[in-house]
Amino acid sequence: MTMDSNSGSGATPSQLIDARIKELGDWRGETLARVRALIKQAVSEVVEEWKWRGVPVWEHAGIICTGETYKSVVKLTFAKGASLKDPSGLFNSSLDGNTRRAIDIREGDTLDEKALKALVQAAVALNLSAKAARAPKKTKSG
């Protein structure tokens, strides 16, 4: 029996992401596994989801980023990337939009792991600040 990632197999999002990595079986799977590990290192409370018919999604107080795989790139799309500082210049795709920004990783690319973790942490901080701004306030101080 094979596991169809689009079926209602009852698999958890993390198991579906594991299956996608294994199914790719090439540099894209290795890259997806590496960025997944970095995201988990950056944010220990990260929640993995599986959305839009097979896209790995990492969330904490909102979407951090998605990890789509294409023939020639692994694309990390940050939901609120346009609002994030990117001092290391990781964003190299979807630069014209008002909201999202993406990182296209090609075979053989060297990823700045420290910069990626900082970007993930900044995305979580932005999600948390947006969530706090929506929460009812009791009083303002200082």
C-alpha atoms as a PDB file:
ATOM      1  CA  MET A   1       0.000   0.000   0.000  1.00  0.00           C
ATOM      2  CA  THR A   2       1.414   3.368  -0.974  1.00  0.00           C
ATOM      3  CA  MET A   3       0.733   6.581   0.826  1.00  0.00           C
ATOM      4  CA  ASP A   4      -1.018   9.107  -1.373  1.00  0.00           C
ATOM      5  CA  SER A   5      -0.306  12.537   0.088  1.00  0.00           C
ATOM      6  CA  ASN A   6      -3.642  13.832  -1.193  1.00  0.00           C
ATOM      7  CA  SER A   7      -5.748  11.105   0.354  1.00  0.00           C
ATOM      8  CA  GLY A   8      -7.537  11.190   3.653  1.00  0.00           C
ATOM      9  CA  SER A   9      -5.064   8.669   5.013  1.00  0.00           C
ATOM     10  CA  GLY A  10      -5.259  10.074   8.513  1.00  0.00           C
ATOM     11  CA  ALA A  11      -1.556  10.867   8.419  1.00  0.00           C
ATOM     12  CA  THR A  12      -0.387  13.872  10.411  1.00  0.00           C
ATOM     13  CA  PRO A  13       1.014  16.917   8.588  1.00  0.00           C
ATOM     14  CA  SER A  14       4.495  15.984   9.845  1.00  0.00           C
ATOM     15  CA  GLN A  15       4.131  12.462   8.422  1.00  0.00           C
ATOM     16  CA  LEU A  16       2.973  13.910   5.087  1.00  0.00           C
ATOM     17  CA  ILE A  17       6.022  16.205   5.002  1.00  0.00           C
ATOM     18  CA  ASP A  18       8.249  13.193   5.813  1.00  0.00           C
ATOM     19  CA  ALA A  19       6.629  11.343   2.907  1.00  0.00           C
ATOM     20  CA  ARG A  20       7.151  14.288   0.514  1.00  0.00           C
ATOM     21  CA  ILE A  21      10.850  14.474   1.422  1.00  0.00           C
ATOM     22  CA  LYS A  22      11.225  10.719   0.835  1.00  0.00           C
ATOM     23  CA  GLU A  23       9.169  10.840  -2.374  1.00  0.00           C
ATOM     24  CA  LEU A  24      11.374  13.587  -3.863  1.00  0.00           C
ATOM     25  CA  GLY A  25      14.482  11.497  -3.190  1.00  0.00           C
ATOM     26  CA  ASP A  26      16.890  14.071  -4.633  1.00  0.00           C
ATOM     27  CA  TRP A  27      18.495  17.416  -3.774  1.00  0.00           C
ATOM     28  CA  ARG A  28      15.010  18.942  -3.397  1.00  0.00           C
ATOM     29  CA  GLY A  29      14.105  16.450  -0.673  1.00  0.00           C
ATOM     30  CA  GLU A  30      17.436  17.056   1.062  1.00  0.00           C
ATOM     31  CA  THR A  31      16.912  20.823   0.834  1.00  0.00           C
ATOM     32  CA  LEU A  32      13.355  20.624   2.143  1.00  0.00           C
ATOM     33  CA  ALA A  33      14.541  18.440   5.038  1.00  0.00           C
ATOM     34  CA  ARG A  34      17.348  20.904   5.819  1.00  0.00           C
ATOM     35  CA  VAL A  35      15.151  24.008   5.847  1.00  0.00           C
ATOM     36  CA  ARG A  36      12.562  22.123   7.904  1.00  0.00           C
ATOM     37  CA  ALA A  37      15.231  21.311  10.505  1.00  0.00           C
ATOM     38  CA  LEU A  38      16.404  24.940  10.562  1.00  0.00           C
ATOM     39  CA  ILE A  39      12.843  26.200  11.054  1.00  0.00           C
ATOM     40  CA  LYS A  40      12.380  23.780  13.969  1.00  0.00           C
ATOM     41  CA  GLN A  41      15.698  24.908  15.478  1.00  0.00           C
ATOM     42  CA  ALA A  42      14.713  28.558  15.126  1.00  0.00           C
ATOM     43  CA  VAL A  43      11.252  28.129  16.667  1.00  0.00           C
ATOM     44  CA  SER A  44      10.795  25.144  18.934  1.00  0.00           C
ATOM     45  CA  GLU A  45       7.003  25.714  19.155  1.00  0.00           C
ATOM     46  CA  VAL A  46       6.542  25.624  15.356  1.00  0.00           C
ATOM     47  CA  VAL A  47       3.456  23.786  14.092  1.00  0.00           C
ATOM     48  CA  GLU A  48       3.642  21.863  10.831  1.00  0.00           C
ATOM     49  CA  GLU A  49       0.611  21.878   8.561  1.00  0.00           C
ATOM     50  CA  TRP A  50      -0.213  20.353   5.154  1.00  0.00           C
ATOM     51  CA  LYS A  51      -2.353  22.688   3.034  1.00  0.00           C
ATOM     52  CA  TRP A  52      -3.471  23.457  -0.474  1.00  0.00           C
ATOM     53  CA  ARG A  53      -3.297  19.882  -1.786  1.00  0.00           C
ATOM     54  CA  GLY A  54       0.210  19.157  -0.626  1.00  0.00           C
ATOM     55  CA  VAL A  55       2.180  22.174   0.546  1.00  0.00           C
ATOM     56  CA  PRO A  56       4.196  21.960   3.775  1.00  0.00           C
ATOM     57  CA  VAL A  57       3.385  24.976   5.955  1.00  0.00           C
ATOM     58  CA  TRP A  58       5.114  26.097   9.156  1.00  0.00           C
ATOM     59  CA  GLU A  59       3.097  28.184  11.601  1.00  0.00           C
ATOM     60  CA  HIS A  60       3.396  29.913  14.944  1.00  0.00           C
ATOM     61  CA  ALA A  61       0.721  32.526  15.769  1.00  0.00           C
ATOM     62  CA  GLY A  62       0.057  32.516  12.016  1.00  0.00           C
ATOM     63  CA  ILE A  63       1.842  31.281   8.914  1.00  0.00           C
ATOM     64  CA  ILE A  64       5.625  31.658   8.965  1.00  0.00           C
ATOM     65  CA  CYS A  65       6.342  30.176   5.551  1.00  0.00           C
ATOM     66  CA  THR A  66       5.516  27.454   3.057  1.00  0.00           C
ATOM     67  CA  GLY A  67       7.920  25.000   1.428  1.00  0.00           C
ATOM     68  CA  GLU A  68       6.947  24.297  -2.157  1.00  0.00           C
ATOM     69  CA  THR A  69       9.030  22.060  -4.403  1.00  0.00           C
ATOM     70  CA  TYR A  70       9.311  22.559  -8.142  1.00  0.00           C
ATOM     71  CA  LYS A  71      11.497  20.955 -10.809  1.00  0.00           C
ATOM     72  CA  SER A  72      14.369  23.419 -10.415  1.00  0.00           C
ATOM     73  CA  VAL A  73      13.754  25.134  -7.037  1.00  0.00           C
ATOM     74  CA  VAL A  74      12.643  24.664  -3.484  1.00  0.00           C
ATOM     75  CA  LYS A  75      10.653  27.822  -2.731  1.00  0.00           C
ATOM     76  CA  LEU A  76      10.223  29.109   0.812  1.00  0.00           C
ATOM     77  CA  THR A  77       7.453  31.689   0.714  1.00  0.00           C
ATOM     78  CA  PHE A  78       7.119  33.903   3.785  1.00  0.00           C
ATOM     79  CA  ALA A  79       3.494  34.972   4.239  1.00  0.00           C
ATOM     80  CA  LYS A  80       4.419  38.439   5.550  1.00  0.00           C
ATOM     81  CA  GLY A  81       7.887  38.620   4.008  1.00  0.00           C
ATOM     82  CA  ALA A  82       7.453  42.167   2.684  1.00  0.00           C
ATOM     83  CA  SER A  83       7.208  43.345   6.306  1.00  0.00           C
ATOM     84  CA  LEU A  84      10.412  41.607   7.405  1.00  0.00           C
ATOM     85  CA  LYS A  85      13.902  43.066   7.474  1.00  0.00           C
ATOM     86  CA  ASP A  86      16.202  40.901   5.329  1.00  0.00           C
ATOM     87  CA  PRO A  87      19.713  42.212   6.036  1.00  0.00           C
ATOM     88  CA  SER A  88      21.351  39.141   4.481  1.00  0.00           C
ATOM     89  CA  GLY A  89      19.363  39.455   1.251  1.00  0.00           C
ATOM     90  CA  LEU A  90      17.869  35.952   1.360  1.00  0.00           C
ATOM     91  CA  PHE A  91      14.681  36.962  -0.447  1.00  0.00           C
ATOM     92  CA  ASN A  92      15.249  36.514  -4.178  1.00  0.00           C
ATOM     93  CA  SER A  93      11.734  35.865  -5.504  1.00  0.00           C
ATOM     94  CA  SER A  94       8.222  37.389  -5.333  1.00  0.00           C
ATOM     95  CA  LEU A  95       9.860  40.753  -4.654  1.00  0.00           C
ATOM     96  CA  ASP A  96       7.158  42.837  -6.329  1.00  0.00           C
ATOM     97  CA  GLY A  97       4.264  41.866  -4.075  1.00  0.00           C
ATOM     98  CA  ASN A  98       2.968  43.894  -1.161  1.00  0.00           C
ATOM     99  CA  THR A  99       2.835  40.995   1.276  1.00  0.00           C
ATOM    100  CA  ARG A 100       4.809  37.850   0.459  1.00  0.00           C
ATOM    101  CA  ARG A 101       8.494  37.343  -0.227  1.00  0.00           C
ATOM    102  CA  ALA A 102      10.184  34.108  -1.222  1.00  0.00           C
ATOM    103  CA  ILE A 103      13.557  32.417  -1.240  1.00  0.00           C
ATOM    104  CA  ASP A 104      14.232  30.229  -4.274  1.00  0.00           C
ATOM    105  CA  ILE A 105      16.862  27.613  -3.459  1.00  0.00           C
ATOM    106  CA  ARG A 106      18.428  25.915  -6.471  1.00  0.00           C
ATOM    107  CA  GLU A 107      20.510  22.768  -6.652  1.00  0.00           C
ATOM    108  CA  GLY A 108      24.011  23.497  -5.379  1.00  0.00           C
ATOM    109  CA  ASP A 109      23.032  26.768  -3.643  1.00  0.00           C
ATOM    110  CA  THR A 110      24.614  27.431  -0.264  1.00  0.00           C
ATOM    111  CA  LEU A 111      22.023  28.598   2.236  1.00  0.00           C
ATOM    112  CA  ASP A 112      22.940  31.061   4.977  1.00  0.00           C
ATOM    113  CA  GLU A 113      21.497  28.984   7.806  1.00  0.00           C
ATOM    114  CA  LYS A 114      21.987  31.625  10.490  1.00  0.00           C
ATOM    115  CA  ALA A 115      20.232  34.258   8.353  1.00  0.00           C
ATOM    116  CA  LEU A 116      17.352  31.858   7.579  1.00  0.00           C
ATOM    117  CA  LYS A 117      16.824  31.139  11.290  1.00  0.00           C
ATOM    118  CA  ALA A 118      16.841  34.893  12.014  1.00  0.00           C
ATOM    119  CA  LEU A 119      14.246  35.443   9.273  1.00  0.00           C
ATOM    120  CA  VAL A 120      12.027  32.675  10.686  1.00  0.00           C
ATOM    121  CA  GLN A 121      12.301  34.177  14.177  1.00  0.00           C
ATOM    122  CA  ALA A 122      11.475  37.638  12.789  1.00  0.00           C
ATOM    123  CA  ALA A 123       8.390  36.194  11.054  1.00  0.00           C
ATOM    124  CA  VAL A 124       7.215  34.680  14.346  1.00  0.00           C
ATOM    125  CA  ALA A 125       7.839  37.963  16.187  1.00  0.00           C
ATOM    126  CA  LEU A 126       5.758  39.767  13.543  1.00  0.00           C
ATOM    127  CA  ASN A 127       2.956  37.186  13.866  1.00  0.00           C
ATOM    128  CA  LEU A 128       2.993  37.548  17.661  1.00  0.00           C
ATOM    129  CA  SER A 129       2.973  41.360  17.512  1.00  0.00           C
ATOM    130  CA  ALA A 130       0.055  41.313  15.058  1.00  0.00           C
ATOM    131  CA  LYS A 131      -1.806  38.887  17.311  1.00  0.00           C
ATOM    132  CA  ALA A 132      -1.122  41.116  20.337  1.00  0.00           C
ATOM    133  CA  ALA A 133      -2.317  44.193  18.429  1.00  0.00           C
ATOM    134  CA  ARG A 134      -5.641  42.444  17.719  1.00  0.00           C
ATOM    135  CA  ALA A 135      -6.109  41.465  21.367  1.00  0.00           C
ATOM    136  CA  PRO A 136      -8.291  43.733  23.512  1.00  0.00           C
ATOM    137  CA  LYS A 137      -6.176  46.128  25.551  1.00  0.00           C
ATOM    138  CA  LYS A 138      -6.926  46.908  29.201  1.00  0.00           C
ATOM    139  CA  THR A 139      -4.766  49.980  29.791  1.00  0.00           C
ATOM    140  CA  LYS A 140      -1.742  51.586  28.227  1.00  0.00           C
ATOM    141  CA  SER A 141       1.289  52.259  30.361  1.00  0.00           C
ATOM    142  CA  GLY A 142       4.493  54.207  29.680  1.00  0.00           C
END
